[in-house]
Amino acid sequence: MSIPKISVDFNNADTDGRLRLSTNGALADIKRMHIQLQDGLEVILNDNEGLEATGIIEFSQTENIWVAKIDWNKIKNI
């Protein structure tokens, strides 16, 4: 099974540095690809402008939304 790719805004991070998956682009990708979000799911995050990172899905109890934890030092220019 391939790793799902989700559109994100790298400027839309929570206070823990996790990317919020609540943007229109992320929600559209999740719906279109029928991704079942769950803690620990590995995803590829892409801003559609040349940046990409691997992330691990987590549920933010604080904001009551799904987020992706990334290593900010491993963001790639593609």
PDB file of N, CA and C in Angstrom:
ATOM      1  N   MET A   1       0.849  -1.182   0.000  1.00  0.00           N
ATOM      2  CA  MET A   1       0.000   0.000   0.000  1.00  0.00           C
ATOM      3  C   MET A   1       0.893   1.243   0.000  1.00  0.00           C
ATOM      4  N   SER A   2       0.583   2.204  -0.823  1.00  0.00           N
ATOM      5  CA  SER A   2       1.399   3.418  -0.901  1.00  0.00           C
ATOM      6  C   SER A   2       1.015   4.381   0.222  1.00  0.00           C
ATOM      7  N   ILE A   3       1.944   5.255   0.536  1.00  0.00           N
ATOM      8  CA  ILE A   3       1.726   6.246   1.591  1.00  0.00           C
ATOM      9  C   ILE A   3       0.870   7.372   1.007  1.00  0.00           C
ATOM     10  N   PRO A   4      -0.252   7.712   1.656  1.00  0.00           N
ATOM     11  CA  PRO A   4      -1.104   8.790   1.137  1.00  0.00           C
ATOM     12  C   PRO A   4      -0.397  10.142   1.174  1.00  0.00           C
ATOM     13  N   LYS A   5      -0.715  10.972   0.183  1.00  0.00           N
ATOM     14  CA  LYS A   5      -0.152  12.320   0.098  1.00  0.00           C
ATOM     15  C   LYS A   5      -1.274  13.327   0.344  1.00  0.00           C
ATOM     16  N   ILE A   6      -1.043  14.224   1.305  1.00  0.00           N
ATOM     17  CA  ILE A   6      -2.048  15.199   1.709  1.00  0.00           C
ATOM     18  C   ILE A   6      -1.493  16.611   1.528  1.00  0.00           C
ATOM     19  N   SER A   7      -2.306  17.483   0.953  1.00  0.00           N
ATOM     20  CA  SER A   7      -1.934  18.893   0.794  1.00  0.00           C
ATOM     21  C   SER A   7      -2.033  19.595   2.139  1.00  0.00           C
ATOM     22  N   VAL A   8      -1.004  20.367   2.473  1.00  0.00           N
ATOM     23  CA  VAL A   8      -0.989  21.095   3.741  1.00  0.00           C
ATOM     24  C   VAL A   8      -0.453  22.503   3.541  1.00  0.00           C
ATOM     25  N   ASP A   9      -0.641  23.300   4.563  1.00  0.00           N
ATOM     26  CA  ASP A   9      -0.051  24.629   4.631  1.00  0.00           C
ATOM     27  C   ASP A   9       0.997  24.567   5.736  1.00  0.00           C
ATOM     28  N   PHE A  10       2.277  24.633   5.368  1.00  0.00           N
ATOM     29  CA  PHE A  10       3.350  24.526   6.351  1.00  0.00           C
ATOM     30  C   PHE A  10       3.358  25.702   7.330  1.00  0.00           C
ATOM     31  N   ASN A  11       2.580  26.741   7.055  1.00  0.00           N
ATOM     32  CA  ASN A  11       2.453  27.870   7.985  1.00  0.00           C
ATOM     33  C   ASN A  11       1.312  27.669   8.972  1.00  0.00           C
ATOM     34  N   ASN A  12       0.590  26.549   8.858  1.00  0.00           N
ATOM     35  CA  ASN A  12      -0.576  26.298   9.703  1.00  0.00           C
ATOM     36  C   ASN A  12      -0.257  25.191  10.711  1.00  0.00           C
ATOM     37  N   ALA A  13       0.644  25.504  11.645  1.00  0.00           N
ATOM     38  CA  ALA A  13       1.044  24.539  12.668  1.00  0.00           C
ATOM     39  C   ALA A  13       0.478  24.946  14.027  1.00  0.00           C
ATOM     40  N   ASP A  14       0.247  23.937  14.869  1.00  0.00           N
ATOM     41  CA  ASP A  14      -0.222  24.227  16.220  1.00  0.00           C
ATOM     42  C   ASP A  14       0.966  24.586  17.114  1.00  0.00           C
ATOM     43  N   THR A  15       0.719  24.817  18.385  1.00  0.00           N
ATOM     44  CA  THR A  15       1.786  25.245  19.294  1.00  0.00           C
ATOM     45  C   THR A  15       2.832  24.159  19.519  1.00  0.00           C
ATOM     46  N   ASP A  16       2.506  22.905  19.180  1.00  0.00           N
ATOM     47  CA  ASP A  16       3.461  21.805  19.289  1.00  0.00           C
ATOM     48  C   ASP A  16       4.221  21.574  17.985  1.00  0.00           C
ATOM     49  N   GLY A  17       3.968  22.411  16.971  1.00  0.00           N
ATOM     50  CA  GLY A  17       4.658  22.289  15.692  1.00  0.00           C
ATOM     51  C   GLY A  17       4.052  21.252  14.765  1.00  0.00           C
ATOM     52  N   ARG A  18       2.864  20.760  15.092  1.00  0.00           N
ATOM     53  CA  ARG A  18       2.200  19.774  14.235  1.00  0.00           C
ATOM     54  C   ARG A  18       1.330  20.497  13.208  1.00  0.00           C
ATOM     55  N   LEU A  19       1.326  19.999  11.993  1.00  0.00           N
ATOM     56  CA  LEU A  19       0.542  20.626  10.932  1.00  0.00           C
ATOM     57  C   LEU A  19      -0.921  20.243  11.064  1.00  0.00           C
ATOM     58  N   ARG A  20      -1.770  21.241  11.017  1.00  0.00           N
ATOM     59  CA  ARG A  20      -3.212  21.001  11.101  1.00  0.00           C
ATOM     60  C   ARG A  20      -3.714  20.449   9.763  1.00  0.00           C
ATOM     61  N   LEU A  21      -4.563  19.445   9.844  1.00  0.00           N
ATOM     62  CA  LEU A  21      -5.145  18.845   8.639  1.00  0.00           C
ATOM     63  C   LEU A  21      -6.579  19.316   8.456  1.00  0.00           C
ATOM     64  N   SER A  22      -6.827  20.566   8.800  1.00  0.00           N
ATOM     65  CA  SER A  22      -8.179  21.123   8.735  1.00  0.00           C
ATOM     66  C   SER A  22      -8.365  22.117   7.593  1.00  0.00           C
ATOM     67  N   THR A  23      -7.357  22.276   6.743  1.00  0.00           N
ATOM     68  CA  THR A  23      -7.487  23.202   5.619  1.00  0.00           C
ATOM     69  C   THR A  23      -8.346  22.572   4.523  1.00  0.00           C
ATOM     70  N   ASN A  24      -8.864  23.393   3.636  1.00  0.00           N
ATOM     71  CA  ASN A  24      -9.694  22.878   2.539  1.00  0.00           C
ATOM     72  C   ASN A  24      -8.942  21.855   1.695  1.00  0.00           C
ATOM     73  N   GLY A  25      -7.664  22.125   1.401  1.00  0.00           N
ATOM     74  CA  GLY A  25      -6.875  21.210   0.587  1.00  0.00           C
ATOM     75  C   GLY A  25      -6.679  19.865   1.257  1.00  0.00           C
ATOM     76  N   ALA A  26      -6.343  19.886   2.547  1.00  0.00           N
ATOM     77  CA  ALA A  26      -6.145  18.632   3.287  1.00  0.00           C
ATOM     78  C   ALA A  26      -7.438  17.849   3.368  1.00  0.00           C
ATOM     79  N   LEU A  27      -8.522  18.526   3.716  1.00  0.00           N
ATOM     80  CA  LEU A  27      -9.809  17.839   3.843  1.00  0.00           C
ATOM     81  C   LEU A  27     -10.267  17.253   2.507  1.00  0.00           C
ATOM     82  N   ALA A  28     -10.024  17.977   1.413  1.00  0.00           N
ATOM     83  CA  ALA A  28     -10.397  17.472   0.089  1.00  0.00           C
ATOM     84  C   ALA A  28      -9.592  16.225  -0.274  1.00  0.00           C
ATOM     85  N   ASP A  29      -8.284  16.241   0.012  1.00  0.00           N
ATOM     86  CA  ASP A  29      -7.441  15.074  -0.279  1.00  0.00           C
ATOM     87  C   ASP A  29      -7.862  13.866   0.553  1.00  0.00           C
ATOM     88  N   ILE A  30      -8.124  14.089   1.833  1.00  0.00           N
ATOM     89  CA  ILE A  30      -8.538  13.001   2.725  1.00  0.00           C
ATOM     90  C   ILE A  30      -9.835  12.380   2.220  1.00  0.00           C
ATOM     91  N   LYS A  31     -10.779  13.225   1.826  1.00  0.00           N
ATOM     92  CA  LYS A  31     -12.069  12.724   1.322  1.00  0.00           C
ATOM     93  C   LYS A  31     -11.901  12.021  -0.019  1.00  0.00           C
ATOM     94  N   ARG A  32     -11.160  12.644  -0.935  1.00  0.00           N
ATOM     95  CA  ARG A  32     -11.005  12.095  -2.283  1.00  0.00           C
ATOM     96  C   ARG A  32     -10.322  10.731  -2.276  1.00  0.00           C
ATOM     97  N   MET A  33      -9.340  10.559  -1.403  1.00  0.00           N
ATOM     98  CA  MET A  33      -8.589   9.303  -1.361  1.00  0.00           C
ATOM     99  C   MET A  33      -9.142   8.325  -0.317  1.00  0.00           C
ATOM    100  N   HIS A  34     -10.232   8.726   0.339  1.00  0.00           N
ATOM    101  CA  HIS A  34     -10.864   7.864   1.356  1.00  0.00           C
ATOM    102  C   HIS A  34      -9.857   7.441   2.429  1.00  0.00           C
ATOM    103  N   ILE A  35      -9.055   8.400   2.889  1.00  0.00           N
ATOM    104  CA  ILE A  35      -8.056   8.119   3.916  1.00  0.00           C
ATOM    105  C   ILE A  35      -8.756   8.055   5.271  1.00  0.00           C
ATOM    106  N   GLN A  36      -8.554   6.952   5.962  1.00  0.00           N
ATOM    107  CA  GLN A  36      -9.097   6.809   7.309  1.00  0.00           C
ATOM    108  C   GLN A  36      -8.012   7.236   8.287  1.00  0.00           C
ATOM    109  N   LEU A  37      -8.166   8.442   8.835  1.00  0.00           N
ATOM    110  CA  LEU A  37      -7.156   8.978   9.740  1.00  0.00           C
ATOM    111  C   LEU A  37      -7.159   8.199  11.048  1.00  0.00           C
ATOM    112  N   GLN A  38      -5.956   7.892  11.508  1.00  0.00           N
ATOM    113  CA  GLN A  38      -5.797   7.220  12.794  1.00  0.00           C
ATOM    114  C   GLN A  38      -4.410   7.543  13.330  1.00  0.00           C
ATOM    115  N   ASP A  39      -4.289   7.530  14.638  1.00  0.00           N
ATOM    116  CA  ASP A  39      -2.997   7.792  15.262  1.00  0.00           C
ATOM    117  C   ASP A  39      -1.946   6.837  14.723  1.00  0.00           C
ATOM    118  N   GLY A  40      -0.787   7.394  14.353  1.00  0.00           N
ATOM    119  CA  GLY A  40       0.332   6.585  13.889  1.00  0.00           C
ATOM    120  C   GLY A  40       0.396   6.367  12.389  1.00  0.00           C
ATOM    121  N   LEU A  41      -0.634   6.791  11.650  1.00  0.00           N
ATOM    122  CA  LEU A  41      -0.627   6.632  10.194  1.00  0.00           C
ATOM    123  C   LEU A  41       0.449   7.519   9.590  1.00  0.00           C
ATOM    124  N   GLU A  42       1.284   6.953   8.721  1.00  0.00           N
ATOM    125  CA  GLU A  42       2.326   7.723   8.045  1.00  0.00           C
ATOM    126  C   GLU A  42       1.752   8.330   6.765  1.00  0.00           C
ATOM    127  N   VAL A  43       2.023   9.601   6.542  1.00  0.00           N
ATOM    128  CA  VAL A  43       1.553  10.307   5.357  1.00  0.00           C
ATOM    129  C   VAL A  43       2.672  11.174   4.791  1.00  0.00           C
ATOM    130  N   ILE A  44       2.521  11.545   3.536  1.00  0.00           N
ATOM    131  CA  ILE A  44       3.406  12.523   2.909  1.00  0.00           C
ATOM    132  C   ILE A  44       2.623  13.827   2.846  1.00  0.00           C
ATOM    133  N   LEU A  45       3.237  14.897   3.282  1.00  0.00           N
ATOM    134  CA  LEU A  45       2.602  16.207   3.323  1.00  0.00           C
ATOM    135  C   LEU A  45       3.271  17.098   2.294  1.00  0.00           C
ATOM    136  N   ASN A  46       2.459  17.751   1.468  1.00  0.00           N
ATOM    137  CA  ASN A  46       2.967  18.522   0.346  1.00  0.00           C
ATOM    138  C   ASN A  46       2.216  19.834   0.281  1.00  0.00           C
ATOM    139  N   ASP A  47       2.935  20.921   0.047  1.00  0.00           N
ATOM    140  CA  ASP A  47       2.265  22.225  -0.026  1.00  0.00           C
ATOM    141  C   ASP A  47       1.919  22.638  -1.452  1.00  0.00           C
ATOM    142  N   ASN A  48       2.164  21.765  -2.422  1.00  0.00           N
ATOM    143  CA  ASN A  48       1.890  22.040  -3.837  1.00  0.00           C
ATOM    144  C   ASN A  48       2.672  23.234  -4.372  1.00  0.00           C
ATOM    145  N   GLU A  49       3.712  23.636  -3.634  1.00  0.00           N
ATOM    146  CA  GLU A  49       4.581  24.728  -4.070  1.00  0.00           C
ATOM    147  C   GLU A  49       6.052  24.335  -3.976  1.00  0.00           C
ATOM    148  N   GLY A  50       6.296  23.034  -3.772  1.00  0.00           N
ATOM    149  CA  GLY A  50       7.670  22.569  -3.774  1.00  0.00           C
ATOM    150  C   GLY A  50       8.208  22.043  -2.458  1.00  0.00           C
ATOM    151  N   LEU A  51       7.422  22.099  -1.389  1.00  0.00           N
ATOM    152  CA  LEU A  51       7.880  21.579  -0.105  1.00  0.00           C
ATOM    153  C   LEU A  51       7.150  20.282   0.229  1.00  0.00           C
ATOM    154  N   GLU A  52       7.876  19.348   0.845  1.00  0.00           N
ATOM    155  CA  GLU A  52       7.289  18.065   1.188  1.00  0.00           C
ATOM    156  C   GLU A  52       7.950  17.520   2.455  1.00  0.00           C
ATOM    157  N   ALA A  53       7.171  16.808   3.259  1.00  0.00           N
ATOM    158  CA  ALA A  53       7.689  16.185   4.472  1.00  0.00           C
ATOM    159  C   ALA A  53       6.866  14.939   4.770  1.00  0.00           C
ATOM    160  N   THR A  54       7.495  14.016   5.469  1.00  0.00           N
ATOM    161  CA  THR A  54       6.785  12.844   5.957  1.00  0.00           C
ATOM    162  C   THR A  54       6.236  13.181   7.331  1.00  0.00           C
ATOM    163  N   GLY A  55       5.008  12.751   7.592  1.00  0.00           N
ATOM    164  CA  GLY A  55       4.392  13.045   8.877  1.00  0.00           C
ATOM    165  C   GLY A  55       3.701  11.829   9.459  1.00  0.00           C
ATOM    166  N   ILE A  56       3.449  11.900  10.750  1.00  0.00           N
ATOM    167  CA  ILE A  56       2.720  10.867  11.471  1.00  0.00           C
ATOM    168  C   ILE A  56       1.448  11.511  12.035  1.00  0.00           C
ATOM    169  N   ILE A  57       0.313  10.898  11.722  1.00  0.00           N
ATOM    170  CA  ILE A  57      -0.979  11.435  12.137  1.00  0.00           C
ATOM    171  C   ILE A  57      -1.182  11.267  13.641  1.00  0.00           C
ATOM    172  N   GLU A  58      -1.709  12.319  14.257  1.00  0.00           N
ATOM    173  CA  GLU A  58      -2.100  12.306  15.664  1.00  0.00           C
ATOM    174  C   GLU A  58      -3.412  13.075  15.788  1.00  0.00           C
ATOM    175  N   PHE A  59      -4.187  12.772  16.823  1.00  0.00           N
ATOM    176  CA  PHE A  59      -5.380  13.567  17.093  1.00  0.00           C
ATOM    177  C   PHE A  59      -5.046  14.587  18.162  1.00  0.00           C
ATOM    178  N   SER A  60      -5.326  15.842  17.878  1.00  0.00           N
ATOM    179  CA  SER A  60      -5.092  16.919  18.840  1.00  0.00           C
ATOM    180  C   SER A  60      -6.302  17.024  19.766  1.00  0.00           C
ATOM    181  N   GLN A  61      -6.116  16.594  21.000  1.00  0.00           N
ATOM    182  CA  GLN A  61      -7.196  16.703  21.987  1.00  0.00           C
ATOM    183  C   GLN A  61      -7.499  18.174  22.283  1.00  0.00           C
ATOM    184  N   THR A  62      -6.467  19.012  22.240  1.00  0.00           N
ATOM    185  CA  THR A  62      -6.629  20.433  22.542  1.00  0.00           C
ATOM    186  C   THR A  62      -7.529  21.134  21.536  1.00  0.00           C
ATOM    187  N   GLU A  63      -7.299  20.868  20.241  1.00  0.00           N
ATOM    188  CA  GLU A  63      -8.049  21.551  19.191  1.00  0.00           C
ATOM    189  C   GLU A  63      -9.170  20.689  18.603  1.00  0.00           C
ATOM    190  N   ASN A  64      -9.205  19.413  18.990  1.00  0.00           N
ATOM    191  CA  ASN A  64     -10.217  18.484  18.507  1.00  0.00           C
ATOM    192  C   ASN A  64     -10.181  18.329  16.983  1.00  0.00           C
ATOM    193  N   ILE A  65      -8.941  18.233  16.455  1.00  0.00           N
ATOM    194  CA  ILE A  65      -8.741  18.031  15.016  1.00  0.00           C
ATOM    195  C   ILE A  65      -7.571  17.074  14.805  1.00  0.00           C
ATOM    196  N   TRP A  66      -7.469  16.559  13.590  1.00  0.00           N
ATOM    197  CA  TRP A  66      -6.327  15.724  13.219  1.00  0.00           C
ATOM    198  C   TRP A  66      -5.167  16.620  12.816  1.00  0.00           C
ATOM    199  N   VAL A  67      -3.972  16.203  13.202  1.00  0.00           N
ATOM    200  CA  VAL A  67      -2.736  16.925  12.894  1.00  0.00           C
ATOM    201  C   VAL A  67      -1.685  15.917  12.444  1.00  0.00           C
ATOM    202  N   ALA A  68      -0.583  16.427  11.913  1.00  0.00           N
ATOM    203  CA  ALA A  68       0.516  15.555  11.507  1.00  0.00           C
ATOM    204  C   ALA A  68       1.803  16.072  12.138  1.00  0.00           C
ATOM    205  N   LYS A  69       2.469  15.190  12.840  1.00  0.00           N
ATOM    206  CA  LYS A  69       3.752  15.521  13.462  1.00  0.00           C
ATOM    207  C   LYS A  69       4.842  15.323  12.418  1.00  0.00           C
ATOM    208  N   ILE A  70       5.689  16.348  12.239  1.00  0.00           N
ATOM    209  CA  ILE A  70       6.780  16.262  11.267  1.00  0.00           C
ATOM    210  C   ILE A  70       8.091  16.633  11.930  1.00  0.00           C
ATOM    211  N   ASP A  71       9.177  16.270  11.279  1.00  0.00           N
ATOM    212  CA  ASP A  71      10.497  16.724  11.676  1.00  0.00           C
ATOM    213  C   ASP A  71      10.794  17.948  10.814  1.00  0.00           C
ATOM    214  N   TRP A  72      10.750  19.125  11.409  1.00  0.00           N
ATOM    215  CA  TRP A  72      10.923  20.368  10.672  1.00  0.00           C
ATOM    216  C   TRP A  72      12.294  20.476  10.019  1.00  0.00           C
ATOM    217  N   ASN A  73      13.259  19.690  10.467  1.00  0.00           N
ATOM    218  CA  ASN A  73      14.591  19.699   9.863  1.00  0.00           C
ATOM    219  C   ASN A  73      14.671  18.809   8.639  1.00  0.00           C
ATOM    220  N   LYS A  74      13.606  18.072   8.339  1.00  0.00           N
ATOM    221  CA  LYS A  74      13.631  17.151   7.205  1.00  0.00           C
ATOM    222  C   LYS A  74      12.627  17.515   6.116  1.00  0.00           C
ATOM    223  N   ILE A  75      12.214  18.778   6.073  1.00  0.00           N
ATOM    224  CA  ILE A  75      11.355  19.236   4.982  1.00  0.00           C
ATOM    225  C   ILE A  75      12.208  19.297   3.722  1.00  0.00           C
ATOM    226  N   LYS A  76      11.685  18.732   2.636  1.00  0.00           N
ATOM    227  CA  LYS A  76      12.440  18.666   1.379  1.00  0.00           C
ATOM    228  C   LYS A  76      11.884  19.631   0.360  1.00  0.00           C
ATOM    229  N   ASN A  77      12.756  20.184  -0.454  1.00  0.00           N
ATOM    230  CA  ASN A  77      12.357  20.915  -1.649  1.00  0.00           C
ATOM    231  C   ASN A  77      12.268  19.894  -2.766  1.00  0.00           C
ATOM    232  N   ILE A  78      11.124  19.848  -3.414  1.00  0.00           N
ATOM    233  CA  ILE A  78      10.967  18.865  -4.504  1.00  0.00           C
ATOM    234  C   ILE A  78      10.774  19.568  -5.831  1.00  0.00           C
TER     235      ILE A  78
END
